[in-house]
Every structure is written in structure tokens, then in C-alpha cells.
């Protein structure tokens, strides 16, 4: 059983029997505070306080920054190199996509991906069960590109991230453009996602998480 909680912006906490992971912790300068979650592992998709503020995490976590294959606490993590813009990093630098193998599932965090996936990326991401995708339409992929990536990967569950919510000091669109693109009529955020392989739906389902529960 894996538990996924959205802590706002690009940041998630993933819990399994083996470890707790925090992806892309950010600074309070973004406008709100998700507390100081404890973690065994921290992954950082891109340099900077908006995605790699390690000081926000309690404990002595192992920090992963960049492409490669990692095994920590019996958790397998693959970092896949990419860019945060359409100009091969000339505008915003590099980005790392992470794939976590947790509880018999493959969970992918796209980070601040700023371009369509290549054939090489798709080969490395051939079986993704849960996809965390930026949908704020600013500073990362566009909503149309996000939709295309979802179609290419065909995950069972999509969790949107990196969009404007109350209290966030960032120039992002809200989730409405993405929900329209995906044909979602009713957005009812849930506190967290607790899932095991047998729970995965047929086809692709979008699940919206509520960052306000990150304070709990």
C-alpha cells in the first residue's frame, strides 16, 4: 500500500513500508508553508528553493539530484535527464524526471518538464501506473503537451501538480484549463491517495489532491 499526499506546488510525500520520500520540497517564499515533513529520501527535479529546499525536510534524508539509478531502503528510483524548457535548458536549465518503484507500482514525477517527451524518454517510462504531471501552463509543459504525454504513457492514475492555488505566490494558471482539456466536469479534491496494485483503475483516471491537507 502506497500513500501519496500533495504538499503543494511540485511537492509530494510518498509513503510505503520501506521508506518515506519527499519530492521537490520548496521554500516558504512561495507563499505557504507545508510544515517540515520527515523523510528518508528527498528527490530534487531542478536546482532552486522552489524545488530543492532540503531544509524544509526533517531527519537526515538521502538526497537525490540528477539522472541515474538509485536503491535506498529497498526503494528503486530512476532519474531521467530532461530539460525545463523547449531550448534544451538554455532558458531554465535541466530537469530530472523520477520513477519510483513502490509497493509493486511505478510512480512517475515529471518535475518541471518543459518539453514533449522523446522516444528515449518513453522507452524508459514504458510502464507507469501513477503519473504526477505539471498543469499550470506556465514555466513547464503546456496543458496540450501534458495531455499528449498522458496519452503516450497511458498511466492508470494522473495527479496534476504545479498549478495556482490559494496562497501560492507563483505565476501559474489554475487547474481549469487542464480539467477542460481532459474533459473533467467535476473537480472534488481528496485528502490523499492510498493505493495498491489491485486498486488501479482500468484506463486513465485523474485524481486531484488537496494541498491544504499538507498541514496535517
C-alpha atoms as a PDB file:
ATOM      1  CA  UNK A   1       0.000   0.000   0.000  1.00  0.00           C
ATOM      2  CA  UNK A   2       1.421   3.380  -1.028  1.00  0.00           C
ATOM      3  CA  UNK A   3       0.187   6.699   0.364  1.00  0.00           C
ATOM      4  CA  UNK A   4       0.570   9.844  -1.739  1.00  0.00           C
ATOM      5  CA  UNK A   5      -0.028  13.319  -0.296  1.00  0.00           C
ATOM      6  CA  UNK A   6       0.312  16.548  -2.256  1.00  0.00           C
ATOM      7  CA  UNK A   7       2.162  19.179  -0.238  1.00  0.00           C
ATOM      8  CA  UNK A   8       1.561  21.956  -2.767  1.00  0.00           C
ATOM      9  CA  UNK A   9       3.370  23.179  -5.898  1.00  0.00           C
ATOM     10  CA  UNK A  10       5.557  20.281  -7.153  1.00  0.00           C
ATOM     11  CA  UNK A  11       5.965  18.689  -3.750  1.00  0.00           C
ATOM     12  CA  UNK A  12       4.636  15.272  -2.754  1.00  0.00           C
ATOM     13  CA  UNK A  13       5.146  12.908   0.144  1.00  0.00           C
ATOM     14  CA  UNK A  14       5.146   9.232  -0.813  1.00  0.00           C
ATOM     15  CA  UNK A  15       4.951   6.648   1.944  1.00  0.00           C
ATOM     16  CA  UNK A  16       5.488   2.918   1.680  1.00  0.00           C
ATOM     17  CA  UNK A  17       6.526   0.148   4.032  1.00  0.00           C
ATOM     18  CA  UNK A  18      10.145   0.687   3.033  1.00  0.00           C
ATOM     19  CA  UNK A  19      10.551   4.457   3.132  1.00  0.00           C
ATOM     20  CA  UNK A  20       9.063   7.942   3.080  1.00  0.00           C
ATOM     21  CA  UNK A  21      10.006  10.110   0.106  1.00  0.00           C
ATOM     22  CA  UNK A  22       9.554  13.867  -0.299  1.00  0.00           C
ATOM     23  CA  UNK A  23       9.793  15.107  -3.885  1.00  0.00           C
ATOM     24  CA  UNK A  24      10.653  18.743  -4.696  1.00  0.00           C
ATOM     25  CA  UNK A  25      10.419  20.456  -1.273  1.00  0.00           C
ATOM     26  CA  UNK A  26      10.063  24.237  -1.559  1.00  0.00           C
ATOM     27  CA  UNK A  27      10.726  27.366   0.453  1.00  0.00           C
ATOM     28  CA  UNK A  28       8.116  29.411   2.345  1.00  0.00           C
ATOM     29  CA  UNK A  29       8.919  32.232  -0.076  1.00  0.00           C
ATOM     30  CA  UNK A  30       6.394  30.665  -2.456  1.00  0.00           C
ATOM     31  CA  UNK A  31       3.637  31.909  -0.162  1.00  0.00           C
ATOM     32  CA  UNK A  32       2.623  28.999   2.029  1.00  0.00           C
ATOM     33  CA  UNK A  33       4.147  26.524   4.397  1.00  0.00           C
ATOM     34  CA  UNK A  34       3.704  22.750   4.316  1.00  0.00           C
ATOM     35  CA  UNK A  35       5.411  22.268   7.670  1.00  0.00           C
ATOM     36  CA  UNK A  36       8.500  20.095   7.984  1.00  0.00           C
ATOM     37  CA  UNK A  37       7.707  16.543   6.899  1.00  0.00           C
ATOM     38  CA  UNK A  38      10.125  13.800   7.862  1.00  0.00           C
ATOM     39  CA  UNK A  39      11.607  11.713   5.067  1.00  0.00           C
ATOM     40  CA  UNK A  40      14.163   9.020   4.366  1.00  0.00           C
ATOM     41  CA  UNK A  41      14.681  10.191   0.780  1.00  0.00           C
ATOM     42  CA  UNK A  42      14.407  13.587  -0.941  1.00  0.00           C
ATOM     43  CA  UNK A  43      14.373  13.931  -4.720  1.00  0.00           C
ATOM     44  CA  UNK A  44      15.017  17.223  -6.491  1.00  0.00           C
ATOM     45  CA  UNK A  45      13.982  17.756 -10.089  1.00  0.00           C
ATOM     46  CA  UNK A  46      15.644  21.141 -10.512  1.00  0.00           C
ATOM     47  CA  UNK A  47      18.008  23.423  -8.596  1.00  0.00           C
ATOM     48  CA  UNK A  48      16.487  26.251  -6.571  1.00  0.00           C
ATOM     49  CA  UNK A  49      14.382  26.942  -3.491  1.00  0.00           C
ATOM     50  CA  UNK A  50      11.130  26.245  -5.371  1.00  0.00           C
ATOM     51  CA  UNK A  51      12.060  22.597  -5.994  1.00  0.00           C
ATOM     52  CA  UNK A  52      15.072  21.750  -3.859  1.00  0.00           C
ATOM     53  CA  UNK A  53      14.711  23.389  -0.434  1.00  0.00           C
ATOM     54  CA  UNK A  54      16.102  20.471   1.544  1.00  0.00           C
ATOM     55  CA  UNK A  55      15.975  22.442   4.812  1.00  0.00           C
ATOM     56  CA  UNK A  56      12.179  22.018   4.800  1.00  0.00           C
ATOM     57  CA  UNK A  57      12.504  18.273   5.458  1.00  0.00           C
ATOM     58  CA  UNK A  58      13.144  16.713   8.882  1.00  0.00           C
ATOM     59  CA  UNK A  59      15.519  13.879   9.569  1.00  0.00           C
ATOM     60  CA  UNK A  60      18.680  13.018   7.682  1.00  0.00           C
ATOM     61  CA  UNK A  61      17.310  12.052   4.274  1.00  0.00           C
ATOM     62  CA  UNK A  62      19.354  10.765   1.395  1.00  0.00           C
ATOM     63  CA  UNK A  63      19.194  13.428  -1.313  1.00  0.00           C
ATOM     64  CA  UNK A  64      18.917  12.530  -4.988  1.00  0.00           C
ATOM     65  CA  UNK A  65      19.596  15.192  -7.582  1.00  0.00           C
ATOM     66  CA  UNK A  66      20.057  14.179 -11.188  1.00  0.00           C
ATOM     67  CA  UNK A  67      19.814  11.240 -13.572  1.00  0.00           C
ATOM     68  CA  UNK A  68      20.865   7.739 -12.545  1.00  0.00           C
ATOM     69  CA  UNK A  69      19.679   4.544 -10.903  1.00  0.00           C
ATOM     70  CA  UNK A  70      19.401   4.513  -7.137  1.00  0.00           C
ATOM     71  CA  UNK A  71      18.472   1.980  -4.447  1.00  0.00           C
ATOM     72  CA  UNK A  72      17.826   3.355  -0.966  1.00  0.00           C
ATOM     73  CA  UNK A  73      15.981   1.471   1.800  1.00  0.00           C
ATOM     74  CA  UNK A  74      14.995  -1.156  -0.785  1.00  0.00           C
ATOM     75  CA  UNK A  75      13.308   1.538  -2.879  1.00  0.00           C
ATOM     76  CA  UNK A  76      14.378   1.670  -6.534  1.00  0.00           C
ATOM     77  CA  UNK A  77      14.465   5.131  -8.113  1.00  0.00           C
ATOM     78  CA  UNK A  78      15.386   6.064 -11.666  1.00  0.00           C
ATOM     79  CA  UNK A  79      16.299   9.652 -12.524  1.00  0.00           C
ATOM     80  CA  UNK A  80      15.804  10.514 -16.186  1.00  0.00           C
ATOM     81  CA  UNK A  81      17.516  13.553 -17.673  1.00  0.00           C
ATOM     82  CA  UNK A  82      15.411  16.205 -19.399  1.00  0.00           C
ATOM     83  CA  UNK A  83      15.064  19.989 -19.606  1.00  0.00           C
ATOM     84  CA  UNK A  84      12.866  22.650 -18.033  1.00  0.00           C
ATOM     85  CA  UNK A  85      12.245  24.434 -21.341  1.00  0.00           C
ATOM     86  CA  UNK A  86      11.983  23.917 -25.107  1.00  0.00           C
ATOM     87  CA  UNK A  87      15.558  25.178 -25.696  1.00  0.00           C
ATOM     88  CA  UNK A  88      17.464  22.243 -24.137  1.00  0.00           C
ATOM     89  CA  UNK A  89      17.919  24.067 -20.869  1.00  0.00           C
ATOM     90  CA  UNK A  90      19.080  27.415 -22.249  1.00  0.00           C
ATOM     91  CA  UNK A  91      16.197  29.262 -20.564  1.00  0.00           C
ATOM     92  CA  UNK A  92      15.516  27.379 -17.311  1.00  0.00           C
ATOM     93  CA  UNK A  93      18.136  24.685 -17.064  1.00  0.00           C
ATOM     94  CA  UNK A  94      17.923  20.940 -16.646  1.00  0.00           C
ATOM     95  CA  UNK A  95      15.113  18.867 -15.145  1.00  0.00           C
ATOM     96  CA  UNK A  96      15.096  15.348 -13.762  1.00  0.00           C
ATOM     97  CA  UNK A  97      12.106  13.040 -14.113  1.00  0.00           C
ATOM     98  CA  UNK A  98      11.916  10.439 -11.336  1.00  0.00           C
ATOM     99  CA  UNK A  99      10.349   6.993 -11.452  1.00  0.00           C
ATOM    100  CA  UNK A 100       9.784   5.343  -8.068  1.00  0.00           C
ATOM    101  CA  UNK A 101       9.164   1.617  -7.668  1.00  0.00           C
ATOM    102  CA  UNK A 102       6.896   1.404  -4.632  1.00  0.00           C
ATOM    103  CA  UNK A 103       4.656  -1.409  -3.421  1.00  0.00           C
ATOM    104  CA  UNK A 104       4.663  -3.132  -6.805  1.00  0.00           C
ATOM    105  CA  UNK A 105       3.794   0.081  -8.694  1.00  0.00           C
ATOM    106  CA  UNK A 106       5.731   2.544 -10.852  1.00  0.00           C
ATOM    107  CA  UNK A 107       5.114   6.142  -9.833  1.00  0.00           C
ATOM    108  CA  UNK A 108       6.484   8.926 -12.037  1.00  0.00           C
ATOM    109  CA  UNK A 109       7.098  12.567 -11.071  1.00  0.00           C
ATOM    110  CA  UNK A 110       7.745  14.713 -14.159  1.00  0.00           C
ATOM    111  CA  UNK A 111       9.267  17.576 -12.177  1.00  0.00           C
ATOM    112  CA  UNK A 112       9.397  20.845 -14.121  1.00  0.00           C
ATOM    113  CA  UNK A 113       9.491  19.198 -17.528  1.00  0.00           C
ATOM    114  CA  UNK A 114       9.390  21.877 -20.212  1.00  0.00           C
ATOM    115  CA  UNK A 115       9.155  19.924 -23.470  1.00  0.00           C
ATOM    116  CA  UNK A 116       7.470  16.894 -25.067  1.00  0.00           C
ATOM    117  CA  UNK A 117       8.934  13.502 -24.222  1.00  0.00           C
ATOM    118  CA  UNK A 118      11.360  11.932 -26.663  1.00  0.00           C
ATOM    119  CA  UNK A 119      11.265   8.324 -27.866  1.00  0.00           C
ATOM    120  CA  UNK A 120      14.109   7.584 -25.448  1.00  0.00           C
ATOM    121  CA  UNK A 121      12.129   9.014 -22.529  1.00  0.00           C
ATOM    122  CA  UNK A 122       9.079   6.970 -23.457  1.00  0.00           C
ATOM    123  CA  UNK A 123      11.146   3.797 -23.650  1.00  0.00           C
ATOM    124  CA  UNK A 124      12.429   4.407 -20.123  1.00  0.00           C
ATOM    125  CA  UNK A 125       8.857   5.127 -18.959  1.00  0.00           C
ATOM    126  CA  UNK A 126       7.134   2.236 -20.705  1.00  0.00           C
ATOM    127  CA  UNK A 127       5.129   1.107 -17.674  1.00  0.00           C
ATOM    128  CA  UNK A 128       3.925   3.905 -15.424  1.00  0.00           C
ATOM    129  CA  UNK A 129       0.999   3.313 -13.087  1.00  0.00           C
ATOM    130  CA  UNK A 130       0.742   6.762 -11.495  1.00  0.00           C
ATOM    131  CA  UNK A 131       1.858   9.986 -13.209  1.00  0.00           C
ATOM    132  CA  UNK A 132       2.367  13.354 -11.497  1.00  0.00           C
ATOM    133  CA  UNK A 133       2.197  15.995 -14.199  1.00  0.00           C
ATOM    134  CA  UNK A 134       2.604  19.833 -14.140  1.00  0.00           C
ATOM    135  CA  UNK A 135      -0.518  21.547 -15.492  1.00  0.00           C
ATOM    136  CA  UNK A 136      -0.070  25.240 -14.614  1.00  0.00           C
ATOM    137  CA  UNK A 137       0.647  26.100 -18.269  1.00  0.00           C
ATOM    138  CA  UNK A 138       3.483  28.448 -17.273  1.00  0.00           C
ATOM    139  CA  UNK A 139       7.177  27.654 -16.904  1.00  0.00           C
ATOM    140  CA  UNK A 140       6.748  23.969 -17.755  1.00  0.00           C
ATOM    141  CA  UNK A 141       4.916  21.977 -20.434  1.00  0.00           C
ATOM    142  CA  UNK A 142       1.666  23.410 -21.747  1.00  0.00           C
ATOM    143  CA  UNK A 143      -1.687  21.847 -20.958  1.00  0.00           C
ATOM    144  CA  UNK A 144      -1.825  20.455 -24.503  1.00  0.00           C
ATOM    145  CA  UNK A 145       1.613  18.878 -24.067  1.00  0.00           C
ATOM    146  CA  UNK A 146       0.558  17.445 -20.713  1.00  0.00           C
ATOM    147  CA  UNK A 147      -2.473  15.843 -22.359  1.00  0.00           C
ATOM    148  CA  UNK A 148      -0.272  14.390 -25.114  1.00  0.00           C
ATOM    149  CA  UNK A 149       2.174  12.947 -22.582  1.00  0.00           C
ATOM    150  CA  UNK A 150      -0.688  11.322 -20.691  1.00  0.00           C
ATOM    151  CA  UNK A 151      -1.894   9.759 -23.943  1.00  0.00           C
ATOM    152  CA  UNK A 152       1.599   8.468 -24.712  1.00  0.00           C
ATOM    153  CA  UNK A 153       2.265   6.991 -21.276  1.00  0.00           C
ATOM    154  CA  UNK A 154      -1.291   5.770 -20.577  1.00  0.00           C
ATOM    155  CA  UNK A 155      -0.966   5.669 -16.778  1.00  0.00           C
ATOM    156  CA  UNK A 156      -3.763   4.288 -14.624  1.00  0.00           C
ATOM    157  CA  UNK A 157      -3.825   7.419 -12.445  1.00  0.00           C
ATOM    158  CA  UNK A 158      -2.867  11.034 -13.205  1.00  0.00           C
ATOM    159  CA  UNK A 159      -2.246  13.503 -10.377  1.00  0.00           C
ATOM    160  CA  UNK A 160      -1.970  17.155 -11.504  1.00  0.00           C
ATOM    161  CA  UNK A 161       0.560  19.449  -9.813  1.00  0.00           C
ATOM    162  CA  UNK A 162       2.338  22.788 -10.323  1.00  0.00           C
ATOM    163  CA  UNK A 163      -0.773  24.938 -10.739  1.00  0.00           C
ATOM    164  CA  UNK A 164      -2.130  28.009  -8.982  1.00  0.00           C
ATOM    165  CA  UNK A 165      -3.907  27.543  -5.678  1.00  0.00           C
ATOM    166  CA  UNK A 166      -4.866  29.971  -2.923  1.00  0.00           C
ATOM    167  CA  UNK A 167      -1.818  31.375  -1.175  1.00  0.00           C
ATOM    168  CA  UNK A 168       0.722  30.393  -3.819  1.00  0.00           C
ATOM    169  CA  UNK A 169       2.922  33.243  -4.996  1.00  0.00           C
ATOM    170  CA  UNK A 170       3.695  31.946  -8.491  1.00  0.00           C
ATOM    171  CA  UNK A 171       2.612  32.908 -11.998  1.00  0.00           C
ATOM    172  CA  UNK A 172       0.672  29.769 -12.852  1.00  0.00           C
ATOM    173  CA  UNK A 173      -2.758  29.057 -14.270  1.00  0.00           C
ATOM    174  CA  UNK A 174      -5.291  27.273 -12.097  1.00  0.00           C
ATOM    175  CA  UNK A 175      -6.458  23.754 -12.870  1.00  0.00           C
ATOM    176  CA  UNK A 176      -9.418  24.803 -15.057  1.00  0.00           C
ATOM    177  CA  UNK A 177      -7.578  24.658 -18.404  1.00  0.00           C
ATOM    178  CA  UNK A 178      -6.307  21.172 -17.664  1.00  0.00           C
ATOM    179  CA  UNK A 179      -9.693  19.935 -16.493  1.00  0.00           C
ATOM    180  CA  UNK A 180     -11.288  21.283 -19.675  1.00  0.00           C
ATOM    181  CA  UNK A 181      -8.600  19.636 -21.825  1.00  0.00           C
ATOM    182  CA  UNK A 182      -9.164  16.299 -20.044  1.00  0.00           C
ATOM    183  CA  UNK A 183     -12.965  16.591 -20.088  1.00  0.00           C
ATOM    184  CA  UNK A 184     -13.303  16.673 -16.302  1.00  0.00           C
ATOM    185  CA  UNK A 185     -16.666  18.088 -15.292  1.00  0.00           C
ATOM    186  CA  UNK A 186     -16.422  17.922 -11.509  1.00  0.00           C
ATOM    187  CA  UNK A 187     -13.241  18.525  -9.502  1.00  0.00           C
ATOM    188  CA  UNK A 188     -13.530  17.182  -5.970  1.00  0.00           C
ATOM    189  CA  UNK A 189     -10.080  17.177  -4.365  1.00  0.00           C
ATOM    190  CA  UNK A 190      -9.345  14.372  -1.946  1.00  0.00           C
ATOM    191  CA  UNK A 191      -7.069  14.484   1.079  1.00  0.00           C
ATOM    192  CA  UNK A 192      -4.610  11.840  -0.109  1.00  0.00           C
ATOM    193  CA  UNK A 193      -4.342   8.796  -2.333  1.00  0.00           C
ATOM    194  CA  UNK A 194      -3.867   5.423  -0.703  1.00  0.00           C
ATOM    195  CA  UNK A 195      -3.436   2.764  -3.346  1.00  0.00           C
ATOM    196  CA  UNK A 196      -2.185  -0.756  -4.043  1.00  0.00           C
ATOM    197  CA  UNK A 197      -1.816  -2.516  -7.411  1.00  0.00           C
ATOM    198  CA  UNK A 198      -5.242  -4.148  -7.250  1.00  0.00           C
ATOM    199  CA  UNK A 199      -6.834  -0.689  -6.779  1.00  0.00           C
ATOM    200  CA  UNK A 200      -5.520   0.695 -10.067  1.00  0.00           C
ATOM    201  CA  UNK A 201      -8.399   1.527 -12.417  1.00  0.00           C
ATOM    202  CA  UNK A 202      -8.813   0.379 -15.985  1.00  0.00           C
ATOM    203  CA  UNK A 203      -7.904   3.149 -18.399  1.00  0.00           C
ATOM    204  CA  UNK A 204      -6.736   6.513 -17.050  1.00  0.00           C
ATOM    205  CA  UNK A 205      -8.299   8.363 -14.108  1.00  0.00           C
ATOM    206  CA  UNK A 206      -7.419  11.900 -12.975  1.00  0.00           C
ATOM    207  CA  UNK A 207      -7.280  12.310  -9.195  1.00  0.00           C
ATOM    208  CA  UNK A 208      -6.971  15.830  -7.780  1.00  0.00           C
ATOM    209  CA  UNK A 209      -5.392  16.117  -4.338  1.00  0.00           C
ATOM    210  CA  UNK A 210      -5.944  18.939  -1.865  1.00  0.00           C
ATOM    211  CA  UNK A 211      -2.720  20.624  -0.771  1.00  0.00           C
ATOM    212  CA  UNK A 212      -4.408  22.124   2.285  1.00  0.00           C
ATOM    213  CA  UNK A 213      -4.249  18.741   3.971  1.00  0.00           C
ATOM    214  CA  UNK A 214      -0.478  19.017   3.902  1.00  0.00           C
ATOM    215  CA  UNK A 215      -0.628  20.799   7.254  1.00  0.00           C
ATOM    216  CA  UNK A 216      -1.913  17.654   8.997  1.00  0.00           C
END
